[in-house]
Amino acid sequence: MDPAGQTRRSFVYRRLAEAGAVFGAVADVALAVHYGDPDAELETARRLGLADLSVLPRVGFKGAGAAKWLAAQGVSLPEVNGAAAQPDGALAARLGPDEVLLLGGLDGAAGLVGRLDEAWAEASTVEPRGYPVPRRETHAWFVVTGAQAADMFAKLCAVDLRPQSFANHRIAQTSVARANAIVIRADLAGTLAYHLLVDSATADYYLPVLLDAMSEFTGGLVGHQALQALLQ
């Protein structure tokens, strides 16, 4: 599948194509599924891998009443600066008392994210319930995986992201490579993993910076297929 012909494309799809990405259909989007050698990518993902999930569903809600409304919609909400897995594989990340970021599951289906989008639009008489934030448009979504992931982040971020200091499903809203970012630890089965959300305007800056920081650890790009394999 050629992402150039799709309505929704990753902010860095050209760079991924230059790196040899093979794009395939995941749900209704073109995602980098692998880079030519899926078996080798799985080993890379276990050591230090970088995947781009920017085309997958995500949304945010913030403002007075947002958390209460989400809870009424059946969303399992964690404490502030914590994340909670949802039954369909989505992840609810609570950035503030009334600010929640929802990342869709790795299967690419709209699922909970799509349902909440529709429910908010239909509930026009329910107040207060906050307002939606189009995180799919405003933020790029990367995933950094593998045993060396925290060591790599130590070169770019002042927050101690080592597993013994930064628990699974914890959130850091901080500076990574001198730009604002959201880091969410959400391990993939037994593999250390961090979701990295950055301003979409900086996505083209972040990709080469991350790859450069990863080179010391023989890390590299991995596709969606490698992430799925980590869960098996």
C-alpha atoms as a PDB file:
ATOM      1  CA  MET A   1       0.000   0.000   0.000  1.00  0.00           C
ATOM      2  CA  ASP A   2       1.349   3.410  -0.985  1.00  0.00           C
ATOM      3  CA  PRO A   3       0.809   5.913   1.869  1.00  0.00           C
ATOM      4  CA  ALA A   4       1.051   8.810  -0.581  1.00  0.00           C
ATOM      5  CA  GLY A   5      -2.327   7.774  -1.974  1.00  0.00           C
ATOM      6  CA  GLN A   6      -4.041   7.685   1.411  1.00  0.00           C
ATOM      7  CA  THR A   7      -6.047  10.446   3.057  1.00  0.00           C
ATOM      8  CA  ARG A   8      -4.174   9.979   6.349  1.00  0.00           C
ATOM      9  CA  ARG A   9      -0.397   9.586   6.270  1.00  0.00           C
ATOM     10  CA  SER A  10       2.306   9.493   8.915  1.00  0.00           C
ATOM     11  CA  PHE A  11       4.096  12.790   9.486  1.00  0.00           C
ATOM     12  CA  VAL A  12       7.358  10.980   8.627  1.00  0.00           C
ATOM     13  CA  TYR A  13       6.194   8.534   5.936  1.00  0.00           C
ATOM     14  CA  ARG A  14       8.727   9.848   3.424  1.00  0.00           C
ATOM     15  CA  ARG A  15      11.617   9.175   5.803  1.00  0.00           C
ATOM     16  CA  LEU A  16      10.250   5.714   6.541  1.00  0.00           C
ATOM     17  CA  ALA A  17       9.978   4.959   2.824  1.00  0.00           C
ATOM     18  CA  GLU A  18      13.574   6.080   2.321  1.00  0.00           C
ATOM     19  CA  ALA A  19      14.588   3.668   5.082  1.00  0.00           C
ATOM     20  CA  GLY A  20      12.982   0.790   3.179  1.00  0.00           C
ATOM     21  CA  ALA A  21       9.607   0.554   4.871  1.00  0.00           C
ATOM     22  CA  VAL A  22       7.085  -1.853   3.392  1.00  0.00           C
ATOM     23  CA  PHE A  23       3.649  -0.358   4.006  1.00  0.00           C
ATOM     24  CA  GLY A  24       0.552  -2.439   4.486  1.00  0.00           C
ATOM     25  CA  ALA A  25      -3.083  -1.909   5.358  1.00  0.00           C
ATOM     26  CA  VAL A  26      -3.797  -1.994   9.098  1.00  0.00           C
ATOM     27  CA  ALA A  27      -7.459  -1.243   9.659  1.00  0.00           C
ATOM     28  CA  ASP A  28      -8.047   1.718   7.324  1.00  0.00           C
ATOM     29  CA  VAL A  29      -4.515   3.190   7.232  1.00  0.00           C
ATOM     30  CA  ALA A  30      -1.148   2.486   5.608  1.00  0.00           C
ATOM     31  CA  LEU A  31       1.348   1.522   8.300  1.00  0.00           C
ATOM     32  CA  ALA A  32       5.029   0.537   8.052  1.00  0.00           C
ATOM     33  CA  VAL A  33       4.638  -3.197   8.690  1.00  0.00           C
ATOM     34  CA  HIS A  34       8.298  -4.141   8.234  1.00  0.00           C
ATOM     35  CA  TYR A  35      11.593  -3.068   6.668  1.00  0.00           C
ATOM     36  CA  GLY A  36      12.461  -6.174   4.700  1.00  0.00           C
ATOM     37  CA  ASP A  37      13.514  -8.684   7.374  1.00  0.00           C
ATOM     38  CA  PRO A  38      10.784  -9.266   9.980  1.00  0.00           C
ATOM     39  CA  ASP A  39      12.796 -11.879  11.916  1.00  0.00           C
ATOM     40  CA  ALA A  40      15.770  -9.545  12.328  1.00  0.00           C
ATOM     41  CA  GLU A  41      13.422  -6.712  13.300  1.00  0.00           C
ATOM     42  CA  LEU A  42      11.974  -8.786  16.117  1.00  0.00           C
ATOM     43  CA  GLU A  43      15.452  -9.180  17.579  1.00  0.00           C
ATOM     44  CA  THR A  44      16.025  -5.443  17.120  1.00  0.00           C
ATOM     45  CA  ALA A  45      12.738  -4.708  18.899  1.00  0.00           C
ATOM     46  CA  ARG A  46      13.858  -6.816  21.839  1.00  0.00           C
ATOM     47  CA  ARG A  47      17.161  -4.933  21.994  1.00  0.00           C
ATOM     48  CA  LEU A  48      16.228  -1.378  20.917  1.00  0.00           C
ATOM     49  CA  GLY A  49      13.596  -0.647  18.290  1.00  0.00           C
ATOM     50  CA  LEU A  50      11.730   2.415  17.074  1.00  0.00           C
ATOM     51  CA  ALA A  51       8.291   2.146  15.474  1.00  0.00           C
ATOM     52  CA  ASP A  52       6.068   4.886  14.093  1.00  0.00           C
ATOM     53  CA  LEU A  53       2.375   4.554  14.940  1.00  0.00           C
ATOM     54  CA  SER A  54       1.362   8.092  13.997  1.00  0.00           C
ATOM     55  CA  VAL A  55      -1.455   6.984  11.697  1.00  0.00           C
ATOM     56  CA  LEU A  56      -3.252   4.931  14.353  1.00  0.00           C
ATOM     57  CA  PRO A  57      -6.304   6.250  16.277  1.00  0.00           C
ATOM     58  CA  ARG A  58      -5.886   8.420  19.358  1.00  0.00           C
ATOM     59  CA  VAL A  59      -7.805  11.267  20.955  1.00  0.00           C
ATOM     60  CA  GLY A  60      -7.718  13.481  24.017  1.00  0.00           C
ATOM     61  CA  PHE A  61     -10.317  15.007  26.317  1.00  0.00           C
ATOM     62  CA  LYS A  62      -9.706  17.826  28.764  1.00  0.00           C
ATOM     63  CA  GLY A  63     -11.498  20.519  30.732  1.00  0.00           C
ATOM     64  CA  ALA A  64     -13.989  20.562  33.576  1.00  0.00           C
ATOM     65  CA  GLY A  65     -15.977  17.336  33.754  1.00  0.00           C
ATOM     66  CA  ALA A  66     -13.862  15.393  31.238  1.00  0.00           C
ATOM     67  CA  ALA A  67     -12.699  12.689  33.668  1.00  0.00           C
ATOM     68  CA  LYS A  68     -16.189  12.198  35.112  1.00  0.00           C
ATOM     69  CA  TRP A  69     -17.681  11.914  31.628  1.00  0.00           C
ATOM     70  CA  LEU A  70     -15.038   9.390  30.523  1.00  0.00           C
ATOM     71  CA  ALA A  71     -15.639   7.290  33.624  1.00  0.00           C
ATOM     72  CA  ALA A  72     -19.366   7.311  32.833  1.00  0.00           C
ATOM     73  CA  GLN A  73     -18.469   6.022  29.364  1.00  0.00           C
ATOM     74  CA  GLY A  74     -16.774   3.008  30.930  1.00  0.00           C
ATOM     75  CA  VAL A  75     -13.164   4.187  30.650  1.00  0.00           C
ATOM     76  CA  SER A  76     -10.909   2.862  33.399  1.00  0.00           C
ATOM     77  CA  LEU A  77      -9.074   5.942  34.675  1.00  0.00           C
ATOM     78  CA  PRO A  78      -5.770   5.858  36.570  1.00  0.00           C
ATOM     79  CA  GLU A  79      -4.322   8.461  38.899  1.00  0.00           C
ATOM     80  CA  VAL A  80      -2.727  11.591  37.400  1.00  0.00           C
ATOM     81  CA  ASN A  81       0.488  10.771  35.520  1.00  0.00           C
ATOM     82  CA  GLY A  82      -0.566   7.162  35.266  1.00  0.00           C
ATOM     83  CA  ALA A  83      -1.951   5.040  32.420  1.00  0.00           C
ATOM     84  CA  ALA A  84      -4.484   2.221  32.388  1.00  0.00           C
ATOM     85  CA  ALA A  85      -5.003  -0.484  29.781  1.00  0.00           C
ATOM     86  CA  GLN A  86      -8.544  -0.826  28.444  1.00  0.00           C
ATOM     87  CA  PRO A  87     -10.330  -4.073  27.478  1.00  0.00           C
ATOM     88  CA  ASP A  88      -9.929  -3.458  23.716  1.00  0.00           C
ATOM     89  CA  GLY A  89      -6.177  -2.816  23.970  1.00  0.00           C
ATOM     90  CA  ALA A  90      -6.432   0.981  24.141  1.00  0.00           C
ATOM     91  CA  LEU A  91      -4.458   2.906  26.744  1.00  0.00           C
ATOM     92  CA  ALA A  92      -5.878   5.779  28.820  1.00  0.00           C
ATOM     93  CA  ALA A  93      -3.140   8.154  29.966  1.00  0.00           C
ATOM     94  CA  ARG A  94      -4.181  10.695  32.596  1.00  0.00           C
ATOM     95  CA  LEU A  95      -2.125  13.850  32.050  1.00  0.00           C
ATOM     96  CA  GLY A  96      -4.036  15.937  34.619  1.00  0.00           C
ATOM     97  CA  PRO A  97      -7.118  15.761  36.854  1.00  0.00           C
ATOM     98  CA  ASP A  98      -9.318  16.540  33.851  1.00  0.00           C
ATOM     99  CA  GLU A  99      -7.016  15.733  30.924  1.00  0.00           C
ATOM    100  CA  VAL A 100      -6.837  12.260  29.401  1.00  0.00           C
ATOM    101  CA  LEU A 101      -5.043  10.998  26.299  1.00  0.00           C
ATOM    102  CA  LEU A 102      -6.370   7.783  24.761  1.00  0.00           C
ATOM    103  CA  LEU A 103      -4.163   5.686  22.487  1.00  0.00           C
ATOM    104  CA  GLY A 104      -5.900   3.090  20.363  1.00  0.00           C
ATOM    105  CA  GLY A 105      -4.863  -0.553  20.389  1.00  0.00           C
ATOM    106  CA  LEU A 106      -2.073  -1.891  18.193  1.00  0.00           C
ATOM    107  CA  ASP A 107      -4.631  -3.637  15.980  1.00  0.00           C
ATOM    108  CA  GLY A 108      -5.445  -0.229  14.468  1.00  0.00           C
ATOM    109  CA  ALA A 109      -9.196  -0.516  15.038  1.00  0.00           C
ATOM    110  CA  ALA A 110     -11.036   2.630  16.115  1.00  0.00           C
ATOM    111  CA  GLY A 111     -12.538   0.732  19.054  1.00  0.00           C
ATOM    112  CA  LEU A 112     -12.861   2.762  22.233  1.00  0.00           C
ATOM    113  CA  VAL A 113     -11.321   5.869  20.647  1.00  0.00           C
ATOM    114  CA  GLY A 114     -13.908   5.912  17.870  1.00  0.00           C
ATOM    115  CA  ARG A 115     -16.764   5.217  20.263  1.00  0.00           C
ATOM    116  CA  LEU A 116     -15.775   8.096  22.527  1.00  0.00           C
ATOM    117  CA  ASP A 117     -15.477  10.466  19.585  1.00  0.00           C
ATOM    118  CA  GLU A 118     -19.025   9.593  18.557  1.00  0.00           C
ATOM    119  CA  ALA A 119     -20.406   9.677  22.100  1.00  0.00           C
ATOM    120  CA  TRP A 120     -18.998  13.133  22.794  1.00  0.00           C
ATOM    121  CA  ALA A 121     -20.483  14.520  19.574  1.00  0.00           C
ATOM    122  CA  GLU A 122     -23.893  13.067  20.406  1.00  0.00           C
ATOM    123  CA  ALA A 123     -23.984  14.165  24.059  1.00  0.00           C
ATOM    124  CA  SER A 124     -24.459  17.843  23.279  1.00  0.00           C
ATOM    125  CA  THR A 125     -26.826  18.388  26.236  1.00  0.00           C
ATOM    126  CA  VAL A 126     -24.480  16.858  28.841  1.00  0.00           C
ATOM    127  CA  GLU A 127     -22.451  19.466  30.738  1.00  0.00           C
ATOM    128  CA  PRO A 128     -19.814  19.809  31.904  1.00  0.00           C
ATOM    129  CA  ARG A 129     -17.896  17.145  30.000  1.00  0.00           C
ATOM    130  CA  GLY A 130     -14.772  18.955  28.830  1.00  0.00           C
ATOM    131  CA  TYR A 131     -13.886  19.066  25.163  1.00  0.00           C
ATOM    132  CA  PRO A 132     -12.083  16.780  22.695  1.00  0.00           C
ATOM    133  CA  VAL A 133      -8.447  17.357  21.723  1.00  0.00           C
ATOM    134  CA  PRO A 134      -7.460  16.076  18.242  1.00  0.00           C
ATOM    135  CA  ARG A 135      -4.275  14.308  19.326  1.00  0.00           C
ATOM    136  CA  ARG A 136      -4.155  12.347  16.082  1.00  0.00           C
ATOM    137  CA  GLU A 137      -3.503  15.605  14.257  1.00  0.00           C
ATOM    138  CA  THR A 138      -1.471  17.462  16.876  1.00  0.00           C
ATOM    139  CA  HIS A 139       0.940  14.737  18.028  1.00  0.00           C
ATOM    140  CA  ALA A 140       3.138  12.158  16.342  1.00  0.00           C
ATOM    141  CA  TRP A 141       3.249   8.752  18.048  1.00  0.00           C
ATOM    142  CA  PHE A 142       6.436   6.712  18.306  1.00  0.00           C
ATOM    143  CA  VAL A 143       7.138   3.557  20.308  1.00  0.00           C
ATOM    144  CA  VAL A 144      10.621   2.757  21.633  1.00  0.00           C
ATOM    145  CA  THR A 145      11.092  -0.869  22.684  1.00  0.00           C
ATOM    146  CA  GLY A 146      13.758  -3.141  24.066  1.00  0.00           C
ATOM    147  CA  ALA A 147      16.158  -3.780  26.901  1.00  0.00           C
ATOM    148  CA  GLN A 148      18.323  -0.774  25.966  1.00  0.00           C
ATOM    149  CA  ALA A 149      15.432   1.695  25.658  1.00  0.00           C
ATOM    150  CA  ALA A 150      15.983   3.417  29.017  1.00  0.00           C
ATOM    151  CA  ASP A 151      19.730   3.708  28.342  1.00  0.00           C
ATOM    152  CA  MET A 152      18.979   5.424  25.058  1.00  0.00           C
ATOM    153  CA  PHE A 153      16.551   7.852  26.697  1.00  0.00           C
ATOM    154  CA  ALA A 154      19.228   8.744  29.260  1.00  0.00           C
ATOM    155  CA  LYS A 155      21.078  10.503  26.449  1.00  0.00           C
ATOM    156  CA  LEU A 156      18.061  12.680  25.615  1.00  0.00           C
ATOM    157  CA  CYS A 157      15.960  13.113  28.755  1.00  0.00           C
ATOM    158  CA  ALA A 158      16.702  14.206  32.346  1.00  0.00           C
ATOM    159  CA  VAL A 159      13.964  11.977  33.814  1.00  0.00           C
ATOM    160  CA  ASP A 160      15.189   8.609  35.052  1.00  0.00           C
ATOM    161  CA  LEU A 161      13.216   6.170  32.898  1.00  0.00           C
ATOM    162  CA  ARG A 162      14.957   3.022  34.082  1.00  0.00           C
ATOM    163  CA  PRO A 163      12.488   0.262  34.984  1.00  0.00           C
ATOM    164  CA  GLN A 164      13.517   0.284  38.647  1.00  0.00           C
ATOM    165  CA  SER A 165      12.730   4.010  38.873  1.00  0.00           C
ATOM    166  CA  PHE A 166       9.916   4.449  36.357  1.00  0.00           C
ATOM    167  CA  ALA A 167       7.143   1.913  36.843  1.00  0.00           C
ATOM    168  CA  ASN A 168       5.077   0.381  34.090  1.00  0.00           C
ATOM    169  CA  HIS A 169       2.160   2.670  33.099  1.00  0.00           C
ATOM    170  CA  ARG A 170       3.838   5.727  34.583  1.00  0.00           C
ATOM    171  CA  ILE A 171       3.901   9.016  32.602  1.00  0.00           C
ATOM    172  CA  ALA A 172       6.524  11.746  32.268  1.00  0.00           C
ATOM    173  CA  GLN A 173       5.590  15.059  30.693  1.00  0.00           C
ATOM    174  CA  THR A 174       9.046  16.401  30.072  1.00  0.00           C
ATOM    175  CA  SER A 175      11.693  17.490  27.575  1.00  0.00           C
ATOM    176  CA  VAL A 176      13.171  14.877  25.253  1.00  0.00           C
ATOM    177  CA  ALA A 177      15.938  16.023  22.916  1.00  0.00           C
ATOM    178  CA  ARG A 178      15.198  19.633  23.931  1.00  0.00           C
ATOM    179  CA  ALA A 179      11.543  19.581  22.913  1.00  0.00           C
ATOM    180  CA  ASN A 180       8.346  18.903  24.850  1.00  0.00           C
ATOM    181  CA  ALA A 181       7.188  15.304  24.888  1.00  0.00           C
ATOM    182  CA  ILE A 182       4.940  12.827  26.667  1.00  0.00           C
ATOM    183  CA  VAL A 183       6.584   9.524  27.632  1.00  0.00           C
ATOM    184  CA  ILE A 184       4.374   6.618  28.725  1.00  0.00           C
ATOM    185  CA  ARG A 185       5.881   3.328  29.790  1.00  0.00           C
ATOM    186  CA  ALA A 186       3.646   0.503  28.575  1.00  0.00           C
ATOM    187  CA  ASP A 187       5.534  -2.763  28.236  1.00  0.00           C
ATOM    188  CA  LEU A 188       4.670  -5.178  25.444  1.00  0.00           C
ATOM    189  CA  ALA A 189       4.348  -8.498  27.259  1.00  0.00           C
ATOM    190  CA  GLY A 190       7.835  -8.940  28.746  1.00  0.00           C
ATOM    191  CA  THR A 191       9.555  -6.293  26.626  1.00  0.00           C
ATOM    192  CA  LEU A 192      10.257  -2.806  27.956  1.00  0.00           C
ATOM    193  CA  ALA A 193       8.396  -0.225  25.857  1.00  0.00           C
ATOM    194  CA  TYR A 194       7.747   3.513  25.908  1.00  0.00           C
ATOM    195  CA  HIS A 195       5.174   5.469  23.942  1.00  0.00           C
ATOM    196  CA  LEU A 196       6.597   8.821  22.893  1.00  0.00           C
ATOM    197  CA  LEU A 197       4.115  11.551  21.896  1.00  0.00           C
ATOM    198  CA  VAL A 198       5.628  14.695  20.357  1.00  0.00           C
ATOM    199  CA  ASP A 199       4.261  17.745  18.584  1.00  0.00           C
ATOM    200  CA  SER A 200       3.491  16.770  14.992  1.00  0.00           C
ATOM    201  CA  ALA A 201       5.546  19.742  13.734  1.00  0.00           C
ATOM    202  CA  THR A 202       8.657  18.208  15.360  1.00  0.00           C
ATOM    203  CA  ALA A 203       8.173  14.647  14.068  1.00  0.00           C
ATOM    204  CA  ASP A 204      10.599  15.109  11.184  1.00  0.00           C
ATOM    205  CA  TYR A 205      13.173  16.381  13.687  1.00  0.00           C
ATOM    206  CA  TYR A 206      12.662  13.590  16.190  1.00  0.00           C
ATOM    207  CA  LEU A 207      13.032  10.575  13.911  1.00  0.00           C
ATOM    208  CA  PRO A 208      16.697  11.125  12.940  1.00  0.00           C
ATOM    209  CA  VAL A 209      17.556  12.323  16.452  1.00  0.00           C
ATOM    210  CA  LEU A 210      16.179   9.125  17.986  1.00  0.00           C
ATOM    211  CA  LEU A 211      17.907   6.933  15.413  1.00  0.00           C
ATOM    212  CA  ASP A 212      21.196   8.698  16.065  1.00  0.00           C
ATOM    213  CA  ALA A 213      20.831   8.161  19.825  1.00  0.00           C
ATOM    214  CA  MET A 214      20.005   4.496  19.194  1.00  0.00           C
ATOM    215  CA  SER A 215      23.021   3.797  16.991  1.00  0.00           C
ATOM    216  CA  GLU A 216      25.298   3.263  20.000  1.00  0.00           C
ATOM    217  CA  PHE A 217      23.113   0.323  21.021  1.00  0.00           C
ATOM    218  CA  THR A 218      22.670  -1.102  17.505  1.00  0.00           C
ATOM    219  CA  GLY A 219      19.049  -0.048  17.547  1.00  0.00           C
ATOM    220  CA  GLY A 220      16.926   0.761  14.541  1.00  0.00           C
ATOM    221  CA  LEU A 221      13.540   1.050  12.916  1.00  0.00           C
ATOM    222  CA  VAL A 222      11.059  -1.776  13.315  1.00  0.00           C
ATOM    223  CA  GLY A 223       7.632  -2.239  11.805  1.00  0.00           C
ATOM    224  CA  HIS A 224       4.203  -2.923  13.200  1.00  0.00           C
ATOM    225  CA  GLN A 225       4.721  -6.652  12.625  1.00  0.00           C
ATOM    226  CA  ALA A 226       7.592  -6.726  15.148  1.00  0.00           C
ATOM    227  CA  LEU A 227       5.467  -5.001  17.800  1.00  0.00           C
ATOM    228  CA  GLN A 228       2.702  -7.550  17.292  1.00  0.00           C
ATOM    229  CA  ALA A 229       5.232 -10.365  17.598  1.00  0.00           C
ATOM    230  CA  LEU A 230       6.423  -9.017  20.951  1.00  0.00           C
ATOM    231  CA  LEU A 231       2.913  -9.535  22.314  1.00  0.00           C
ATOM    232  CA  GLN A 232       2.796 -13.209  21.366  1.00  0.00           C
END
